[in-house]
Protein backbone atom coordinates (compact mmCIF):
# COMPACT_ATOMS: atom_id res chain seq x y z
CA UNK A 1 108.19 129.88 78.72
CA UNK A 2 108.98 126.37 80.01
CA UNK A 3 106.02 124.25 81.02
CA UNK A 4 105.15 124.53 84.68
CA UNK A 5 106.72 127.93 85.29
CA UNK A 6 104.45 130.45 86.95
CA UNK A 7 104.05 134.07 85.88
CA UNK A 8 102.29 136.82 87.76
CA UNK A 9 98.55 136.37 87.36
CA UNK A 10 98.24 139.91 86.02
CA UNK A 11 100.01 141.85 83.32
CA UNK A 12 102.36 144.82 83.60
CA UNK A 13 99.65 147.36 84.44
CA UNK A 14 99.45 145.75 87.87
CA UNK A 15 102.91 144.19 88.28
CA UNK A 16 105.74 145.98 90.06
CA UNK A 17 107.66 146.56 86.82
CA UNK A 18 106.93 146.56 83.13
CA UNK A 19 107.92 142.89 82.66
CA UNK A 20 106.32 139.67 83.78
CA UNK A 21 107.37 138.55 87.21
CA UNK A 22 108.31 134.93 87.80
CA UNK A 23 107.38 133.44 91.14
CA UNK A 24 108.21 130.49 93.34
CA UNK A 25 105.91 128.29 95.36
CA UNK A 26 106.58 128.00 99.09
CA UNK A 27 104.43 125.48 100.94
CA UNK A 28 101.63 126.00 98.45
CA UNK A 29 101.86 129.81 98.47
CA UNK A 30 103.12 131.79 95.49
CA UNK A 31 106.05 134.01 96.49
CA UNK A 32 107.88 136.42 94.21
CA UNK A 33 111.67 136.69 94.58
CA UNK A 34 113.62 139.31 92.64
CA UNK A 35 116.45 136.85 92.04
CA UNK A 36 114.20 134.86 89.71
CA UNK A 37 115.03 137.41 87.01
CA UNK A 38 118.73 136.57 87.43
CA UNK A 39 117.97 132.86 87.33
CA UNK A 40 116.12 133.46 84.09
CA UNK A 41 119.19 135.20 82.68
CA UNK A 42 121.33 132.19 83.59
CA UNK A 43 118.77 129.84 82.07
CA UNK A 44 118.63 131.75 78.80
CA UNK A 45 122.22 132.95 78.41
CA UNK A 46 124.73 131.29 80.73
CA UNK A 47 124.06 127.59 81.21
CA UNK A 48 127.62 126.94 80.09
CA UNK A 49 128.59 128.08 83.60
CA UNK A 50 127.79 126.47 86.94
CA UNK A 51 125.17 128.51 88.76
CA UNK A 52 126.61 129.29 92.21
CA UNK A 53 123.87 130.51 94.56
CA UNK A 54 125.11 131.84 97.90
CA UNK A 55 123.34 133.35 100.87
CA UNK A 56 123.04 133.13 104.63
CA UNK A 57 121.21 130.28 106.29
CA UNK A 58 117.44 130.68 106.07
CA UNK A 59 117.12 133.23 103.24
CA UNK A 60 115.34 130.75 100.94
CA UNK A 61 118.09 129.44 98.65
CA UNK A 62 116.87 125.84 98.54
CA UNK A 63 113.22 126.82 98.22
CA UNK A 64 114.07 129.13 95.35
CA UNK A 65 116.40 126.80 93.48
CA UNK A 66 114.30 123.65 93.81
CA UNK A 67 111.16 125.45 92.69
CA UNK A 68 113.03 127.03 89.79
CA UNK A 69 114.42 123.64 88.78
CA UNK A 70 111.01 122.00 88.89
CA UNK A 71 109.49 124.84 86.88
CA UNK A 72 112.10 125.08 84.13
CA UNK A 73 113.23 121.48 83.72
CA UNK A 74 111.46 118.18 83.35
CA UNK A 75 113.71 116.56 85.93
CA UNK A 76 115.53 117.74 89.06
CA UNK A 77 118.37 115.83 90.69
CA UNK A 78 118.84 117.34 94.15
CA UNK A 79 121.48 116.32 96.70
CA UNK A 80 121.74 117.96 100.15
CA UNK A 81 125.28 117.25 101.27
CA UNK A 82 124.74 118.77 104.71
CA UNK A 83 121.79 116.61 105.76
CA UNK A 84 122.44 113.55 103.60
CA UNK A 85 125.87 112.42 104.76
CA UNK A 86 125.48 109.06 103.02
CA UNK A 87 125.66 110.90 99.70
CA UNK A 88 129.28 111.86 100.40
CA UNK A 89 130.43 108.54 98.96
CA UNK A 90 129.36 109.81 95.52
CA UNK A 91 132.07 112.47 95.61
CA UNK A 92 134.88 110.45 97.18
CA UNK A 93 137.01 110.27 94.02
CA UNK A 94 136.70 113.99 93.34
CA UNK A 95 137.87 115.04 89.87
CA UNK A 96 139.19 111.54 89.11
CA UNK A 97 135.74 110.08 88.45
CA UNK A 98 134.45 110.07 84.87
CA UNK A 99 131.22 111.84 84.00
CA UNK A 100 129.58 108.57 82.94
CA UNK A 101 130.34 106.88 86.25
CA UNK A 102 129.32 109.94 88.26
CA UNK A 103 125.98 110.23 86.45
CA UNK A 104 125.43 106.51 86.87
CA UNK A 105 126.12 106.77 90.59
CA UNK A 106 123.72 109.72 90.89
CA UNK A 107 121.00 107.79 89.06
CA UNK A 108 121.45 104.76 91.30
CA UNK A 109 121.58 106.80 94.50
CA UNK A 110 118.47 108.88 93.71
CA UNK A 111 116.68 105.91 92.12
CA UNK A 112 115.96 107.94 88.99
CA UNK A 113 116.67 107.39 85.33
CA UNK A 114 118.43 110.60 84.32
CA UNK A 115 117.22 112.34 81.16
CA UNK A 116 120.39 114.35 80.53
CA UNK A 117 118.84 116.71 77.99
CA UNK A 118 116.10 117.84 80.37
CA UNK A 119 117.65 117.62 83.84
CA UNK A 120 119.12 120.17 86.23
CA UNK A 121 121.55 119.01 88.91
CA UNK A 122 121.44 120.89 92.23
CA UNK A 123 124.10 120.24 94.87
CA UNK A 124 123.35 121.86 98.23
CA UNK A 125 126.17 122.70 100.68
CA UNK A 126 129.03 120.84 98.91
CA UNK A 127 131.54 122.18 101.46
CA UNK A 128 130.31 119.45 103.82
CA UNK A 129 131.82 116.64 101.73
CA UNK A 130 135.49 116.25 100.93
CA UNK A 131 136.22 116.51 97.19
CA UNK A 132 132.57 117.32 96.39
CA UNK A 133 133.29 120.59 94.60
CA UNK A 134 136.06 118.94 92.59
CA UNK A 135 133.71 116.16 91.49
CA UNK A 136 130.95 118.61 90.55
CA UNK A 137 133.25 120.88 88.56
CA UNK A 138 134.86 117.90 86.85
CA UNK A 139 131.40 116.80 85.73
CA UNK A 140 130.83 120.26 84.25
CA UNK A 141 134.20 120.21 82.49
CA UNK A 142 133.48 116.83 80.95
CA UNK A 143 129.81 117.54 80.16
CA UNK A 144 129.52 121.34 79.72
CA UNK A 145 126.00 121.05 78.32
CA UNK A 146 124.58 119.86 81.67
CA UNK A 147 122.79 122.55 83.77
CA UNK A 148 124.40 122.43 87.22
CA UNK A 149 123.75 124.52 90.34
CA UNK A 150 125.71 124.70 93.58
CA UNK A 151 124.15 126.19 96.74
CA UNK A 152 126.15 127.38 99.73
CA UNK A 153 125.29 129.05 103.03
CA UNK A 154 128.81 130.45 103.08
CA UNK A 155 128.94 133.73 101.16
CA UNK A 156 132.71 133.61 101.45
CA UNK A 157 134.97 131.22 99.56
CA UNK A 158 134.45 127.47 100.01
CA UNK A 159 137.14 124.86 99.51
CA UNK A 160 139.14 125.39 96.34
CA UNK A 161 136.42 127.54 94.77
CA UNK A 162 139.02 130.04 93.52
CA UNK A 163 140.38 127.36 91.17
CA UNK A 164 137.08 127.40 89.25
CA UNK A 165 136.24 131.11 89.39
CA UNK A 166 135.81 131.48 85.63
CA UNK A 167 133.34 128.60 85.53
CA UNK A 168 130.77 130.14 87.92
CA UNK A 169 127.71 132.30 87.39
CA UNK A 170 127.56 133.86 90.87
CA UNK A 171 124.37 135.01 92.59
CA UNK A 172 123.65 135.97 96.20
CA UNK A 173 120.24 135.70 97.84
CA UNK A 174 119.25 138.01 100.69
CA UNK A 175 116.16 138.25 102.93
CA UNK A 176 112.98 139.43 101.23
CA UNK A 177 112.74 143.12 100.33
CA UNK A 178 109.75 145.38 100.92
CA UNK A 179 108.76 144.96 97.28
CA UNK A 180 108.79 141.18 97.72
CA UNK A 181 106.88 141.55 100.99
CA UNK A 182 104.15 143.56 99.27
CA UNK A 183 103.86 141.00 96.49
CA UNK A 184 103.72 138.11 98.97
CA UNK A 185 100.81 139.88 100.69
CA UNK A 186 99.00 140.24 97.33
CA UNK A 187 99.54 144.00 97.45
CA UNK A 188 101.57 144.20 94.25
CA UNK A 189 99.22 146.90 92.97
CA UNK A 190 100.84 149.23 95.52
CA UNK A 191 104.19 148.66 93.82
CA UNK A 192 102.81 150.40 90.74
CA UNK A 193 101.95 153.52 92.75
CA UNK A 194 105.46 153.54 94.21
CA UNK A 195 106.96 153.10 90.76
CA UNK A 196 104.91 155.97 89.35
CA UNK A 197 105.77 158.44 92.14
CA UNK A 198 108.48 159.82 89.87
CA UNK A 199 105.67 161.20 87.72
CA UNK A 200 103.02 161.98 90.33
CA UNK A 201 102.91 161.90 94.16
CA UNK A 202 101.34 158.91 95.86
CA UNK A 203 97.80 159.78 96.92
CA UNK A 204 97.45 160.20 100.72
CA UNK A 205 95.05 157.28 101.13
CA UNK A 206 97.36 155.03 99.09
CA UNK A 207 100.39 156.23 101.04
CA UNK A 208 98.64 155.41 104.32
CA UNK A 209 98.07 151.88 103.07
CA UNK A 210 101.72 151.53 102.00
CA UNK A 211 102.89 152.80 105.40
CA UNK A 212 100.79 150.17 107.17
CA UNK A 213 102.48 147.46 105.13
CA UNK A 214 105.84 149.09 105.86
CA UNK A 215 105.13 148.92 109.59
CA UNK A 216 104.31 145.24 109.23
CA UNK A 217 107.49 144.65 107.23
CA UNK A 218 109.52 146.43 109.89
CA UNK A 219 108.13 144.06 112.52
CA UNK A 220 108.17 140.85 110.47
CA UNK A 221 111.48 141.27 108.66
CA UNK A 222 112.40 139.51 105.44
CA UNK A 223 113.18 135.91 106.38
CA UNK A 224 110.95 133.85 104.04
CA UNK A 225 109.66 131.39 106.63
CA UNK A 226 108.51 134.30 108.81
CA UNK A 227 106.96 136.23 105.92
CA UNK A 228 105.16 133.08 104.79
CA UNK A 229 103.56 132.56 108.18
CA UNK A 230 102.55 136.21 108.39
CA UNK A 231 100.93 136.00 104.96
CA UNK A 232 98.97 132.93 106.04
CA UNK A 233 97.98 133.97 109.57
CA UNK A 234 98.53 137.74 110.06
CA UNK A 235 99.42 136.91 113.67
CA UNK A 236 102.30 138.92 115.12
CA UNK A 237 102.49 136.71 118.21
CA UNK A 238 103.32 133.86 115.85
CA UNK A 239 105.81 136.09 114.05
CA UNK A 240 107.74 136.75 117.26
CA UNK A 241 107.66 133.07 118.19
CA UNK A 242 108.98 132.02 114.79
CA UNK A 243 111.67 134.70 114.85
CA UNK A 244 112.81 133.49 118.27
CA UNK A 245 112.92 129.90 117.03
CA UNK A 246 114.82 131.00 113.92
CA UNK A 247 117.29 132.90 116.08
CA UNK A 248 117.77 129.78 118.22
CA UNK A 249 118.47 127.73 115.08
CA UNK A 250 120.92 130.38 113.92
CA UNK A 251 122.75 130.17 117.24
CA UNK A 252 122.86 126.38 116.91
CA UNK A 253 124.18 126.71 113.36
CA UNK A 254 126.97 128.99 114.53
CA UNK A 255 127.93 126.59 117.33
CA UNK A 256 127.93 123.66 114.90
CA UNK A 257 129.88 125.27 112.06
CA UNK A 258 132.38 127.60 113.73
CA UNK A 259 135.97 126.30 113.96
CA UNK A 260 136.80 125.32 117.53
CA UNK A 261 139.63 127.82 117.80
CA UNK A 262 137.23 130.68 116.94
CA UNK A 263 134.12 129.51 118.79
CA UNK A 264 134.44 131.64 121.93
CA UNK A 265 135.33 134.85 120.12
CA UNK A 266 132.68 134.37 117.41
CA UNK A 267 130.04 133.85 120.08
CA UNK A 268 131.03 137.05 121.86
CA UNK A 269 131.00 139.09 118.65
CA UNK A 270 127.62 137.71 117.59
CA UNK A 271 126.05 138.52 120.96
CA UNK A 272 127.50 142.04 120.88
CA UNK A 273 125.80 143.02 117.59
CA UNK A 274 122.68 144.58 119.20
CA UNK A 275 124.71 146.71 121.62
CA UNK A 276 127.15 147.68 118.86
CA UNK A 277 124.30 148.89 116.65
CA UNK A 278 122.46 150.76 119.38
CA UNK A 279 125.40 153.05 120.16
CA UNK A 280 125.29 156.65 118.95
CA UNK A 281 128.54 155.84 117.18
CA UNK A 282 127.81 152.66 115.19
CA UNK A 283 131.51 151.96 114.64
CA UNK A 284 132.37 148.43 115.77
CA UNK A 285 134.26 148.62 119.07
CA UNK A 286 136.04 145.58 120.43
CA UNK A 287 135.57 146.64 124.05
CA UNK A 288 131.85 145.94 123.60
CA UNK A 289 132.86 142.34 122.90
CA UNK A 290 135.37 142.03 125.73
CA UNK A 291 136.93 144.86 127.71
CA UNK A 292 140.34 143.27 127.13
CA UNK A 293 139.75 142.49 123.44
CA UNK A 294 142.29 143.49 120.80
CA UNK A 295 141.54 143.82 117.10
CA UNK A 296 144.24 141.41 115.96
CA UNK A 297 142.80 138.71 118.25
CA UNK A 298 139.29 138.99 116.82
CA UNK A 299 139.82 139.72 113.11
CA UNK A 300 139.44 136.09 111.99
CA UNK A 301 136.28 135.72 114.06
CA UNK A 302 134.75 138.81 112.47
CA UNK A 303 135.69 137.49 109.03
CA UNK A 304 134.07 134.13 109.80
CA UNK A 305 130.75 135.74 110.70
CA UNK A 306 130.89 137.93 107.59
CA UNK A 307 131.59 134.86 105.43
CA UNK A 308 128.49 133.12 106.79
CA UNK A 309 126.38 136.07 105.65
CA UNK A 310 124.91 136.44 109.14
CA UNK A 311 126.48 139.88 109.46
CA UNK A 312 127.31 142.58 106.92
CA UNK A 313 130.54 144.56 107.19
CA UNK A 314 130.46 148.21 106.09
CA UNK A 315 133.81 150.00 105.96
CA UNK A 316 134.44 153.64 106.80
CA UNK A 317 135.84 155.93 104.12
CA UNK A 318 138.39 158.56 105.11
CA UNK A 319 137.26 161.03 102.45
CA UNK A 320 134.16 161.41 100.31
CA UNK A 321 135.94 161.46 96.97
CA UNK A 322 135.96 158.95 94.12
CA UNK A 323 137.04 156.27 93.78
CA UNK A 324 135.73 155.32 97.21
CA UNK A 325 137.58 151.99 97.15
CA UNK A 326 140.80 153.97 97.58
CA UNK A 327 139.44 155.80 100.64
CA UNK A 328 138.73 152.76 102.82
CA UNK A 329 139.87 152.75 106.43
CA UNK A 330 140.40 149.01 107.01
CA UNK A 331 140.50 149.44 110.78
CA UNK A 332 137.16 151.20 111.07
CA UNK A 333 133.93 149.40 110.20
CA UNK A 334 130.35 148.73 111.24
CA UNK A 335 128.72 145.31 111.53
CA UNK A 336 125.08 144.99 110.55
CA UNK A 337 122.80 142.02 111.10
CA UNK A 338 121.38 139.82 108.36
CA UNK A 339 117.75 140.85 108.90
CA UNK A 340 115.93 143.61 110.76
CA UNK A 341 113.30 141.19 112.09
CA UNK A 342 115.92 138.95 113.66
CA UNK A 343 117.80 141.98 114.95
CA UNK A 344 114.63 143.24 116.64
CA UNK A 345 114.34 139.95 118.52
CA UNK A 346 118.03 140.03 119.46
CA UNK A 347 117.47 143.54 120.82
CA UNK A 348 114.63 142.21 122.99
CA UNK A 349 112.02 144.43 121.33
CA UNK A 350 108.61 142.68 121.08
CA UNK A 351 106.28 143.65 118.25
CA UNK A 352 103.85 145.26 120.69
CA UNK A 353 106.34 147.98 121.59
CA UNK A 354 106.83 148.81 117.93
CA UNK A 355 103.17 148.80 116.96
CA UNK A 356 102.05 150.89 119.93
CA UNK A 357 104.68 153.62 119.65
CA UNK A 358 103.00 157.01 119.40
CA UNK A 359 104.33 158.01 116.00
CA UNK A 360 104.73 154.58 114.45
CA UNK A 361 107.83 154.42 112.31
CA UNK A 362 108.89 157.96 113.25
CA UNK A 363 110.11 156.76 116.65
CA UNK A 364 111.53 153.35 115.84
CA UNK A 365 114.99 152.47 116.98
CA UNK A 366 117.58 154.02 114.70
CA UNK A 367 119.62 150.84 114.48
CA UNK A 368 116.68 148.79 113.21
CA UNK A 369 115.77 151.50 110.74
CA UNK A 370 119.31 151.58 109.35
CA UNK A 371 119.29 147.77 109.13
CA UNK A 372 116.14 147.92 107.01
CA UNK A 373 117.63 150.64 104.81
CA UNK A 374 120.82 148.64 104.32
CA UNK A 375 118.78 145.66 103.12
CA UNK A 376 116.80 147.79 100.69
CA UNK A 377 119.83 149.64 99.30
CA UNK A 378 121.65 146.34 98.80
CA UNK A 379 118.97 145.24 96.34
CA UNK A 380 118.98 148.50 94.36
CA UNK A 381 120.93 148.06 91.12
CA UNK A 382 122.20 151.65 91.34
CA UNK A 383 124.09 150.88 94.55
CA UNK A 384 127.16 148.69 94.04
CA UNK A 385 128.94 148.92 97.41
CA UNK A 386 128.09 150.79 100.60
CA UNK A 387 130.39 152.64 103.00
CA UNK A 388 129.91 155.08 105.90
CA UNK A 389 131.63 158.35 106.79
CA UNK A 390 132.34 160.08 110.09
CA UNK A 391 134.19 163.26 110.92
CA UNK A 392 135.37 163.23 114.52
CA UNK A 393 132.39 163.52 116.81
CA UNK A 394 130.66 166.21 114.78
CA UNK A 395 129.18 164.50 111.73
CA UNK A 396 128.13 161.07 110.49
CA UNK A 397 126.73 159.93 107.14
CA UNK A 398 124.94 156.60 107.47
CA UNK A 399 125.74 155.31 104.00
CA UNK A 400 127.84 156.47 101.05
CA UNK A 401 128.01 154.90 97.61
CA UNK A 402 129.47 155.69 94.22
CA UNK A 403 127.40 155.97 91.03
CA UNK A 404 129.27 156.48 87.75
CA UNK A 405 132.09 158.27 89.54
CA UNK A 406 129.73 160.48 91.55
CA UNK A 407 129.90 160.13 95.35
CA UNK A 408 126.42 159.99 96.88
CA UNK A 409 125.92 160.42 100.66
CA UNK A 410 122.77 158.91 102.18
CA UNK A 411 121.23 160.20 105.40
CA UNK A 412 118.59 158.09 107.15
CA UNK A 413 116.14 160.20 109.14
CA UNK A 414 112.75 159.28 110.60
CA UNK A 415 111.59 162.87 110.01
CA UNK A 416 112.81 165.19 107.29
CA UNK A 417 112.33 168.15 109.66
CA UNK A 418 115.42 167.18 111.63
CA UNK A 419 118.35 169.52 110.92
CA UNK A 420 120.71 167.81 108.50
CA UNK A 421 124.00 169.12 109.93
CA UNK A 422 125.96 166.00 108.97
CA UNK A 423 124.88 166.24 105.36
CA UNK A 424 125.83 169.92 105.28
CA UNK A 425 129.29 169.17 106.67
CA UNK A 426 129.83 166.46 104.04
CA UNK A 427 128.54 168.55 101.15
CA UNK A 428 130.54 171.63 102.15
CA UNK A 429 133.72 169.60 102.43
CA UNK A 430 133.48 167.49 99.27
CA UNK A 431 131.26 169.62 97.01
CA UNK A 432 129.28 166.61 95.79
CA UNK A 433 126.43 167.26 93.37
CA UNK A 434 123.90 164.78 94.75
CA UNK A 435 122.78 163.67 98.20
CA UNK A 436 119.97 161.40 99.34
CA UNK A 437 117.80 161.68 102.41
CA UNK A 438 115.57 158.77 103.36
CA UNK A 439 112.41 159.57 105.30
CA UNK A 440 108.67 158.98 105.23
CA UNK A 441 108.05 162.18 103.28
CA UNK A 442 107.16 162.18 99.58
CA UNK A 443 109.70 161.91 96.80
CA UNK A 444 111.20 165.32 96.17
CA UNK A 445 114.35 167.20 95.16
CA UNK A 446 115.53 170.43 96.75
CA UNK A 447 118.92 172.15 96.89
CA UNK A 448 120.82 169.13 95.67
CA UNK A 449 119.14 166.69 98.08
CA UNK A 450 116.84 163.96 96.81
CA UNK A 451 114.34 162.82 99.43
CA UNK A 452 113.33 159.20 98.90
CA UNK A 453 110.50 157.68 100.92
CA UNK A 454 111.56 154.65 102.94
CA UNK A 455 109.03 152.47 101.12
CA UNK A 456 110.48 153.31 97.68
CA UNK A 457 114.18 152.54 98.05
CA UNK A 458 114.00 149.71 95.54
CA UNK A 459 112.78 152.07 92.85
CA UNK A 460 115.11 155.10 92.54
């Protein structure tokens, strides 16, 4: 292992999986991020490609990449092209500049003598400088042995990215998962109990402890800066204040970055997300944006928000048969938020109302619960792409995915005792062999339905 890199302090009998877990340091605190395993794969097997790390604003891309660079390399050359506008002069010539001159300019600008054999180059938000991506990719073409990383808060395509598709090792970072939340709170021993539930049920006293952390995660969300403060202070008043400030910064980011011709429509769509998600029918409806709105007038604005990563677009499938990609209804979709903590604040729900509800997580708002589930399913390697299914006004399946040609419907229920009419309609119609129900009940399988506890979605 490279000097300076941090492993979990304990071995695999305590860790969340059977391998060592690499961690990052955030303001002096050790934080585990799942993506570190992917960064390790790039480091060991794919440095011939440019590492392209994407993710919405605030999910921890810079923290993660800078800490990784400092841990795995003797030297880090980091340029933030969004904040450091003076650096744009370095990229002015684009692909026409030679590698030697570009490296010399970087050395002079950063006031560092570059040790090429032991240095990683990290370029943050290159879309803010004309010709920056061309210059960076030209450097890689001329000096393929150099480890180079590009970071972007646009999960969509930037500039002429398509031109260099074959040269990228693409990764996307999302808000912190429940597994990462547990580890950040030094409760990684609970991950082992969750992992072993396939062999034996989680003991009641252990489950109660896990549920308490789950309640905290539901309130806090997965934005790293919020999780970090909660770990340090355990103060939910501070959590709400930080979430509100983060939401304000997100609004400012949207206003700053959105093209002028889309600004009004993007703002209306963004503000409509809470009301869209709190409907019985989660399908995105343009009349909730503007009573006179038409789909064709707002499509580009929806796409812009999706490309920023601030919202997630889930398409409806017409039929529950494989391949699901051929069943997409392009005109029918749902928009989810980036993070359930931020969504809670947008919905105007203070932590006190969540924590004092009579049945805890059993009575939480369905929209927030589905947002949390979406985040967890996204990070499960079994789930490649998520869809939803509705049949008139009679049945709705929250999520559907495809696993090795098998269509798997997923029903999100606070209590397993609720009648699963929607699941029955889907199963009767499409004769699928497997279905998943997500609840707080123990892991179990009955009549073709696998019940997965909400706290264990990362581990099925």
